All heavy atoms as atom14 arrays in JSON, in Angstrom:
{
  "sequence": "GSIRRIPFWRILEENVSQELKNKLVFIGVTSPDLHDE",
  "atom14_mask": [
    [1, 1, 1, 1, 0, 0, 0, 0, 0, 0, 0, 0, 0, 0],
    [1, 1, 1, 1, 1, 1, 0, 0, 0, 0, 0, 0, 0, 0],
    [1, 1, 1, 1, 1, 1, 1, 1, 0, 0, 0, 0, 0, 0],
    [1, 1, 1, 1, 1, 1, 1, 1, 1, 1, 1, 0, 0, 0],
    [1, 1, 1, 1, 1, 1, 1, 1, 1, 1, 1, 0, 0, 0],
    [1, 1, 1, 1, 1, 1, 1, 1, 0, 0, 0, 0, 0, 0],
    [1, 1, 1, 1, 1, 1, 1, 0, 0, 0, 0, 0, 0, 0],
    [1, 1, 1, 1, 1, 1, 1, 1, 1, 1, 1, 0, 0, 0],
    [1, 1, 1, 1, 1, 1, 1, 1, 1, 1, 1, 1, 1, 1],
    [1, 1, 1, 1, 1, 1, 1, 1, 1, 1, 1, 0, 0, 0],
    [1, 1, 1, 1, 1, 1, 1, 1, 0, 0, 0, 0, 0, 0],
    [1, 1, 1, 1, 1, 1, 1, 1, 0, 0, 0, 0, 0, 0],
    [1, 1, 1, 1, 1, 1, 1, 1, 1, 0, 0, 0, 0, 0],
    [1, 1, 1, 1, 1, 1, 1, 1, 1, 0, 0, 0, 0, 0],
    [1, 1, 1, 1, 1, 1, 1, 1, 0, 0, 0, 0, 0, 0],
    [1, 1, 1, 1, 1, 1, 1, 0, 0, 0, 0, 0, 0, 0],
    [1, 1, 1, 1, 1, 1, 0, 0, 0, 0, 0, 0, 0, 0],
    [1, 1, 1, 1, 1, 1, 1, 1, 1, 0, 0, 0, 0, 0],
    [1, 1, 1, 1, 1, 1, 1, 1, 1, 0, 0, 0, 0, 0],
    [1, 1, 1, 1, 1, 1, 1, 1, 0, 0, 0, 0, 0, 0],
    [1, 1, 1, 1, 1, 1, 1, 1, 1, 0, 0, 0, 0, 0],
    [1, 1, 1, 1, 1, 1, 1, 1, 0, 0, 0, 0, 0, 0],
    [1, 1, 1, 1, 1, 1, 1, 1, 1, 0, 0, 0, 0, 0],
    [1, 1, 1, 1, 1, 1, 1, 1, 0, 0, 0, 0, 0, 0],
    [1, 1, 1, 1, 1, 1, 1, 0, 0, 0, 0, 0, 0, 0],
    [1, 1, 1, 1, 1, 1, 1, 1, 1, 1, 1, 0, 0, 0],
    [1, 1, 1, 1, 1, 1, 1, 1, 0, 0, 0, 0, 0, 0],
    [1, 1, 1, 1, 0, 0, 0, 0, 0, 0, 0, 0, 0, 0],
    [1, 1, 1, 1, 1, 1, 1, 0, 0, 0, 0, 0, 0, 0],
    [1, 1, 1, 1, 1, 1, 1, 0, 0, 0, 0, 0, 0, 0],
    [1, 1, 1, 1, 1, 1, 0, 0, 0, 0, 0, 0, 0, 0],
    [1, 1, 1, 1, 1, 1, 1, 0, 0, 0, 0, 0, 0, 0],
    [1, 1, 1, 1, 1, 1, 1, 1, 0, 0, 0, 0, 0, 0],
    [1, 1, 1, 1, 1, 1, 1, 1, 0, 0, 0, 0, 0, 0],
    [1, 1, 1, 1, 1, 1, 1, 1, 1, 1, 0, 0, 0, 0],
    [1, 1, 1, 1, 1, 1, 1, 1, 0, 0, 0, 0, 0, 0],
    [1, 1, 1, 1, 1, 1, 1, 1, 1, 0, 0, 0, 0, 0]
  ],
  "atom14_positions": [
    [[4.82, -10.86, -2.67], [3.89, -10.37, -3.69], [2.51, -10.93, -3.65], [1.63, -10.55, -4.35], [0.0, 0.0, 0.0], [0.0, 0.0, 0.0], [0.0, 0.0, 0.0], [0.0, 0.0, 0.0], [0.0, 0.0, 0.0], [0.0, 0.0, 0.0], [0.0, 0.0, 0.0], [0.0, 0.0, 0.0], [0.0, 0.0, 0.0], [0.0, 0.0, 0.0]],
    [[2.26, -11.93, -2.71], [0.99, -12.57, -2.69], [-0.08, -11.8, -1.95], [-1.29, -11.92, -2.17], [1.12, -13.94, -2.01], [1.65, -13.8, -0.72], [0.0, 0.0, 0.0], [0.0, 0.0, 0.0], [0.0, 0.0, 0.0], [0.0, 0.0, 0.0], [0.0, 0.0, 0.0], [0.0, 0.0, 0.0], [0.0, 0.0, 0.0], [0.0, 0.0, 0.0]],
    [[0.33, -10.94, -1.01], [-0.63, -10.08, -0.28], [-0.81, -8.82, -1.05], [0.11, -8.16, -1.53], [-0.1, -9.76, 1.15], [-0.05, -11.08, 1.95], [-1.01, -8.73, 1.8], [0.44, -10.92, 3.36], [0.0, 0.0, 0.0], [0.0, 0.0, 0.0], [0.0, 0.0, 0.0], [0.0, 0.0, 0.0], [0.0, 0.0, 0.0], [0.0, 0.0, 0.0]],
    [[-2.05, -8.4, -1.22], [-2.4, -7.27, -2.1], [-1.66, -5.99, -1.68], [-1.63, -5.65, -0.53], [-3.92, -7.01, -2.05], [-4.34, -6.01, -3.06], [-5.79, -5.65, -2.99], [-6.09, -4.57, -3.91], [-7.2, -3.86, -3.84], [-8.06, -4.07, -2.88], [-7.44, -2.94, -4.72], [0.0, 0.0, 0.0], [0.0, 0.0, 0.0], [0.0, 0.0, 0.0]],
    [[-1.09, -5.36, -2.69], [-0.4, -4.08, -2.46], [-1.1, -2.94, -3.21], [-1.47, -3.13, -4.39], [1.06, -4.2, -2.92], [1.94, -5.22, -2.18], [3.35, -5.14, -2.73], [4.19, -6.28, -2.23], [5.42, -6.44, -2.52], [6.08, -5.53, -3.35], [6.07, -7.45, -2.06], [0.0, 0.0, 0.0], [0.0, 0.0, 0.0], [0.0, 0.0, 0.0]],
    [[-1.18, -1.84, -2.57], [-1.65, -0.63, -3.19], [-0.55, 0.42, -3.12], [-0.1, 0.72, -2.01], [-2.94, -0.08, -2.54], [-4.11, -1.04, -2.67], [-3.34, 1.27, -3.11], [-5.38, -0.66, -1.96], [0.0, 0.0, 0.0], [0.0, 0.0, 0.0], [0.0, 0.0, 0.0], [0.0, 0.0, 0.0], [0.0, 0.0, 0.0], [0.0, 0.0, 0.0]],
    [[-0.06, 0.89, -4.23], [1.01, 1.91, -4.15], [0.61, 3.09, -3.29], [-0.52, 3.6, -3.38], [1.18, 2.34, -5.61], [0.69, 1.15, -6.43], [-0.43, 0.61, -5.63], [0.0, 0.0, 0.0], [0.0, 0.0, 0.0], [0.0, 0.0, 0.0], [0.0, 0.0, 0.0], [0.0, 0.0, 0.0], [0.0, 0.0, 0.0], [0.0, 0.0, 0.0]],
    [[1.49, 3.58, -2.49], [1.14, 4.65, -1.5], [0.66, 5.9, -2.19], [-0.21, 6.62, -1.68], [2.42, 4.95, -0.71], [2.14, 5.85, 0.48], [1.86, 5.29, 1.76], [2.21, 7.22, 0.41], [1.65, 6.11, 2.84], [1.93, 8.06, 1.47], [1.68, 7.47, 2.68], [0.0, 0.0, 0.0], [0.0, 0.0, 0.0], [0.0, 0.0, 0.0]],
    [[1.2, 6.19, -3.39], [0.81, 7.46, -4.02], [-0.69, 7.52, -4.37], [-1.26, 8.61, -4.43], [1.61, 7.65, -5.33], [1.33, 6.65, -6.45], [1.98, 5.52, -6.71], [0.24, 6.75, -7.4], [1.37, 4.88, -7.81], [0.34, 5.6, -8.23], [-0.78, 7.69, -7.66], [-0.56, 5.39, -9.29], [-1.65, 7.46, -8.71], [-1.54, 6.34, -9.53]],
    [[-1.3, 6.32, -4.51], [-2.72, 6.3, -4.85], [-3.58, 6.85, -3.76], [-4.64, 7.46, -4.0], [-3.18, 4.89, -5.21], [-2.61, 4.34, -6.52], [-3.29, 3.04, -6.91], [-4.7, 3.18, -6.93], [-5.59, 2.14, -6.85], [-5.07, 0.94, -6.68], [-6.87, 2.32, -6.91], [0.0, 0.0, 0.0], [0.0, 0.0, 0.0], [0.0, 0.0, 0.0]],
    [[-3.19, 6.67, -2.5], [-4.0, 7.24, -1.45], [-4.0, 8.74, -1.35], [-4.85, 9.4, -0.75], [-3.57, 6.63, -0.06], [-4.69, 6.77, 0.95], [-2.27, 7.31, 0.43], [-4.44, 6.03, 2.26], [0.0, 0.0, 0.0], [0.0, 0.0, 0.0], [0.0, 0.0, 0.0], [0.0, 0.0, 0.0], [0.0, 0.0, 0.0], [0.0, 0.0, 0.0]],
    [[-3.03, 9.31, -2.06], [-2.9, 10.79, -2.1], [-3.61, 11.4, -3.32], [-4.09, 12.48, -3.25], [-1.45, 11.21, -2.14], [-0.57, 10.69, -1.0], [0.87, 11.15, -1.2], [-1.08, 11.16, 0.38], [0.0, 0.0, 0.0], [0.0, 0.0, 0.0], [0.0, 0.0, 0.0], [0.0, 0.0, 0.0], [0.0, 0.0, 0.0], [0.0, 0.0, 0.0]],
    [[-3.67, 10.6, -4.41], [-4.15, 11.14, -5.69], [-5.47, 10.48, -6.11], [-6.12, 11.08, -7.02], [-3.08, 11.0, -6.78], [-1.8, 11.68, -6.43], [-0.75, 11.5, -7.53], [-1.15, 11.17, -8.68], [0.44, 11.72, -7.21], [0.0, 0.0, 0.0], [0.0, 0.0, 0.0], [0.0, 0.0, 0.0], [0.0, 0.0, 0.0], [0.0, 0.0, 0.0]],
    [[-5.83, 9.32, -5.62], [-6.99, 8.64, -6.1], [-7.91, 8.3, -4.89], [-7.49, 8.18, -3.77], [-6.63, 7.41, -6.88], [-5.83, 7.66, -8.11], [-5.5, 6.35, -8.87], [-5.95, 5.3, -8.39], [-4.78, 6.44, -9.86], [0.0, 0.0, 0.0], [0.0, 0.0, 0.0], [0.0, 0.0, 0.0], [0.0, 0.0, 0.0], [0.0, 0.0, 0.0]],
    [[-9.14, 8.02, -5.25], [-10.12, 7.58, -4.23], [-10.0, 6.05, -4.04], [-10.49, 5.3, -4.87], [-11.51, 7.97, -4.61], [-12.57, 7.56, -3.53], [-12.15, 7.23, -2.42], [-13.84, 7.77, -3.84], [0.0, 0.0, 0.0], [0.0, 0.0, 0.0], [0.0, 0.0, 0.0], [0.0, 0.0, 0.0], [0.0, 0.0, 0.0], [0.0, 0.0, 0.0]],
    [[-9.32, 5.66, -2.98], [-9.15, 4.24, -2.71], [-9.89, 3.84, -1.41], [-9.62, 2.78, -0.8], [-7.65, 3.86, -2.55], [-6.97, 4.04, -3.89], [-6.97, 4.68, -1.48], [0.0, 0.0, 0.0], [0.0, 0.0, 0.0], [0.0, 0.0, 0.0], [0.0, 0.0, 0.0], [0.0, 0.0, 0.0], [0.0, 0.0, 0.0], [0.0, 0.0, 0.0]],
    [[-10.89, 4.66, -1.06], [-11.55, 4.4, 0.23], [-12.19, 3.03, 0.3], [-12.13, 2.3, 1.26], [-12.64, 5.5, 0.46], [-11.98, 6.73, 0.63], [0.0, 0.0, 0.0], [0.0, 0.0, 0.0], [0.0, 0.0, 0.0], [0.0, 0.0, 0.0], [0.0, 0.0, 0.0], [0.0, 0.0, 0.0], [0.0, 0.0, 0.0], [0.0, 0.0, 0.0]],
    [[-12.9, 2.65, -0.81], [-13.57, 1.37, -0.83], [-12.61, 0.19, -0.73], [-12.96, -0.83, -0.19], [-14.42, 1.24, -2.11], [-15.69, 2.13, -2.11], [-16.61, 1.74, -0.93], [-16.8, 2.61, -0.03], [-17.12, 0.53, -0.88], [0.0, 0.0, 0.0], [0.0, 0.0, 0.0], [0.0, 0.0, 0.0], [0.0, 0.0, 0.0], [0.0, 0.0, 0.0]],
    [[-11.42, 0.43, -1.29], [-10.43, -0.68, -1.24], [-9.85, -0.87, 0.11], [-9.31, -1.97, 0.4], [-9.32, -0.42, -2.28], [-9.82, -0.31, -3.72], [-8.65, 0.01, -4.67], [-7.73, -0.85, -4.78], [-8.74, 1.1, -5.3], [0.0, 0.0, 0.0], [0.0, 0.0, 0.0], [0.0, 0.0, 0.0], [0.0, 0.0, 0.0], [0.0, 0.0, 0.0]],
    [[-9.96, 0.14, 0.97], [-9.36, 0.05, 2.31], [-10.39, -0.1, 3.42], [-10.07, -0.22, 4.6], [-8.54, 1.27, 2.55], [-7.35, 1.44, 1.64], [-6.57, 2.78, 1.86], [-6.38, 0.32, 1.67], [0.0, 0.0, 0.0], [0.0, 0.0, 0.0], [0.0, 0.0, 0.0], [0.0, 0.0, 0.0], [0.0, 0.0, 0.0], [0.0, 0.0, 0.0]],
    [[-11.64, 0.03, 3.04], [-12.78, -0.06, 4.07], [-12.74, -1.46, 4.75], [-12.7, -2.46, 4.13], [-14.11, 0.19, 3.38], [-15.28, 0.28, 4.4], [-16.53, 0.62, 3.63], [-17.74, 0.61, 4.55], [-17.59, 1.7, 5.61], [0.0, 0.0, 0.0], [0.0, 0.0, 0.0], [0.0, 0.0, 0.0], [0.0, 0.0, 0.0], [0.0, 0.0, 0.0]],
    [[-12.77, -1.4, 6.1], [-12.74, -2.58, 6.91], [-11.58, -3.55, 6.61], [-11.7, -4.73, 6.75], [-14.09, -3.35, 6.73], [-15.26, -2.61, 7.33], [-15.13, -1.94, 8.36], [-16.41, -2.73, 6.66], [0.0, 0.0, 0.0], [0.0, 0.0, 0.0], [0.0, 0.0, 0.0], [0.0, 0.0, 0.0], [0.0, 0.0, 0.0], [0.0, 0.0, 0.0]],
    [[-10.43, -2.92, 6.27], [-9.3, -3.76, 5.99], [-8.24, -3.52, 7.12], [-8.27, -2.52, 7.8], [-8.62, -3.33, 4.69], [-9.5, -3.48, 3.45], [-9.9, -4.93, 3.15], [-10.69, -5.01, 1.88], [-11.17, -6.41, 1.64], [0.0, 0.0, 0.0], [0.0, 0.0, 0.0], [0.0, 0.0, 0.0], [0.0, 0.0, 0.0], [0.0, 0.0, 0.0]],
    [[-7.38, -4.52, 7.27], [-6.24, -4.35, 8.11], [-5.09, -3.85, 7.23], [-4.64, -4.56, 6.3], [-5.88, -5.75, 8.71], [-5.1, -5.77, 10.03], [-5.92, -5.1, 11.15], [-4.67, -7.16, 10.41], [0.0, 0.0, 0.0], [0.0, 0.0, 0.0], [0.0, 0.0, 0.0], [0.0, 0.0, 0.0], [0.0, 0.0, 0.0], [0.0, 0.0, 0.0]],
    [[-4.71, -2.6, 7.42], [-3.77, -1.88, 6.54], [-2.4, -1.82, 7.1], [-2.25, -1.47, 8.32], [-4.32, -0.47, 6.23], [-3.34, 0.19, 5.29], [-5.64, -0.53, 5.63], [0.0, 0.0, 0.0], [0.0, 0.0, 0.0], [0.0, 0.0, 0.0], [0.0, 0.0, 0.0], [0.0, 0.0, 0.0], [0.0, 0.0, 0.0], [0.0, 0.0, 0.0]],
    [[-1.39, -2.29, 6.37], [-0.02, -2.13, 6.75], [0.67, -1.14, 5.82], [0.57, -1.31, 4.59], [0.67, -3.49, 6.66], [0.26, -4.4, 7.78], [-0.77, -5.29, 7.64], [0.98, -4.46, 8.99], [-1.15, -6.16, 8.62], [0.63, -5.31, 10.0], [-0.42, -6.18, 9.87], [0.0, 0.0, 0.0], [0.0, 0.0, 0.0], [0.0, 0.0, 0.0]],
    [[1.33, -0.2, 6.4], [2.08, 0.81, 5.64], [3.58, 0.53, 5.82], [4.07, 0.47, 6.99], [1.74, 2.25, 6.1], [0.3, 2.55, 5.87], [2.59, 3.28, 5.28], [-0.16, 3.88, 6.38], [0.0, 0.0, 0.0], [0.0, 0.0, 0.0], [0.0, 0.0, 0.0], [0.0, 0.0, 0.0], [0.0, 0.0, 0.0], [0.0, 0.0, 0.0]],
    [[4.33, 0.31, 4.72], [5.75, 0.07, 4.87], [6.44, 0.08, 3.55], [5.84, 0.16, 2.48], [0.0, 0.0, 0.0], [0.0, 0.0, 0.0], [0.0, 0.0, 0.0], [0.0, 0.0, 0.0], [0.0, 0.0, 0.0], [0.0, 0.0, 0.0], [0.0, 0.0, 0.0], [0.0, 0.0, 0.0], [0.0, 0.0, 0.0], [0.0, 0.0, 0.0]],
    [[7.75, -0.06, 3.61], [8.65, 0.06, 2.43], [8.63, -1.28, 1.68], [8.85, -2.34, 2.26], [10.08, 0.44, 2.88], [11.03, 0.27, 1.75], [10.07, 1.85, 3.44], [0.0, 0.0, 0.0], [0.0, 0.0, 0.0], [0.0, 0.0, 0.0], [0.0, 0.0, 0.0], [0.0, 0.0, 0.0], [0.0, 0.0, 0.0], [0.0, 0.0, 0.0]],
    [[8.44, -1.2, 0.36], [8.63, -2.37, -0.52], [9.65, -2.15, -1.56], [9.98, -3.05, -2.37], [7.27, -2.8, -1.15], [6.84, -1.76, -1.97], [6.24, -3.13, -0.11], [0.0, 0.0, 0.0], [0.0, 0.0, 0.0], [0.0, 0.0, 0.0], [0.0, 0.0, 0.0], [0.0, 0.0, 0.0], [0.0, 0.0, 0.0], [0.0, 0.0, 0.0]],
    [[10.12, -0.9, -1.74], [11.1, -0.61, -2.8], [12.43, -1.23, -2.44], [12.94, -1.06, -1.38], [11.29, 0.94, -2.89], [12.33, 1.28, -3.72], [0.0, 0.0, 0.0], [0.0, 0.0, 0.0], [0.0, 0.0, 0.0], [0.0, 0.0, 0.0], [0.0, 0.0, 0.0], [0.0, 0.0, 0.0], [0.0, 0.0, 0.0], [0.0, 0.0, 0.0]],
    [[12.94, -1.99, -3.39], [14.25, -2.59, -3.14], [15.4, -1.6, -2.84], [16.36, -1.96, -2.15], [14.56, -3.37, -4.49], [13.23, -3.5, -5.12], [12.46, -2.32, -4.71], [0.0, 0.0, 0.0], [0.0, 0.0, 0.0], [0.0, 0.0, 0.0], [0.0, 0.0, 0.0], [0.0, 0.0, 0.0], [0.0, 0.0, 0.0], [0.0, 0.0, 0.0]],
    [[15.24, -0.4, -3.37], [16.29, 0.62, -3.13], [16.45, 0.98, -1.68], [17.5, 1.53, -1.29], [16.02, 1.87, -3.95], [16.05, 1.57, -5.5], [16.69, 0.6, -5.92], [15.4, 2.27, -6.24], [0.0, 0.0, 0.0], [0.0, 0.0, 0.0], [0.0, 0.0, 0.0], [0.0, 0.0, 0.0], [0.0, 0.0, 0.0], [0.0, 0.0, 0.0]],
    [[15.42, 0.78, -0.86], [15.47, 1.15, 0.51], [15.92, 0.0, 1.43], [16.07, 0.23, 2.65], [14.1, 1.68, 0.96], [13.61, 2.88, 0.24], [12.26, 3.37, 0.74], [14.64, 4.05, 0.3], [0.0, 0.0, 0.0], [0.0, 0.0, 0.0], [0.0, 0.0, 0.0], [0.0, 0.0, 0.0], [0.0, 0.0, 0.0], [0.0, 0.0, 0.0]],
    [[16.18, -1.17, 0.87], [16.83, -2.28, 1.55], [16.21, -2.69, 2.84], [16.88, -3.07, 3.78], [18.28, -1.93, 1.84], [19.04, -1.5, 0.57], [19.3, -2.37, -0.49], [19.5, -0.27, 0.2], [19.95, -1.65, -1.45], [20.07, -0.42, -1.06], [0.0, 0.0, 0.0], [0.0, 0.0, 0.0], [0.0, 0.0, 0.0], [0.0, 0.0, 0.0]],
    [[14.87, -2.72, 2.85], [14.16, -3.25, 4.01], [13.52, -4.58, 3.6], [12.29, -4.66, 3.44], [13.11, -2.25, 4.59], [12.38, -2.83, 5.79], [12.92, -3.72, 6.42], [11.24, -2.33, 6.06], [0.0, 0.0, 0.0], [0.0, 0.0, 0.0], [0.0, 0.0, 0.0], [0.0, 0.0, 0.0], [0.0, 0.0, 0.0], [0.0, 0.0, 0.0]],
    [[14.29, -5.57, 3.45], [13.82, -6.9, 2.97], [14.7, -8.03, 3.52], [15.87, -7.8, 3.84], [13.74, -6.95, 1.48], [15.04, -6.55, 0.77], [14.92, -6.38, -0.73], [13.75, -6.34, -1.21], [15.92, -6.27, -1.39], [0.0, 0.0, 0.0], [0.0, 0.0, 0.0], [0.0, 0.0, 0.0], [0.0, 0.0, 0.0], [0.0, 0.0, 0.0]]
  ]
}
């Protein structure tokens, strides 16, 4: 939880361009229900 997380849905419904500009972006599962931990 120490590395900043942006919920995936926001990139579809909100303008998050400034938050991702010049960033190293990782897309992946964090939901405990999907058991990738």
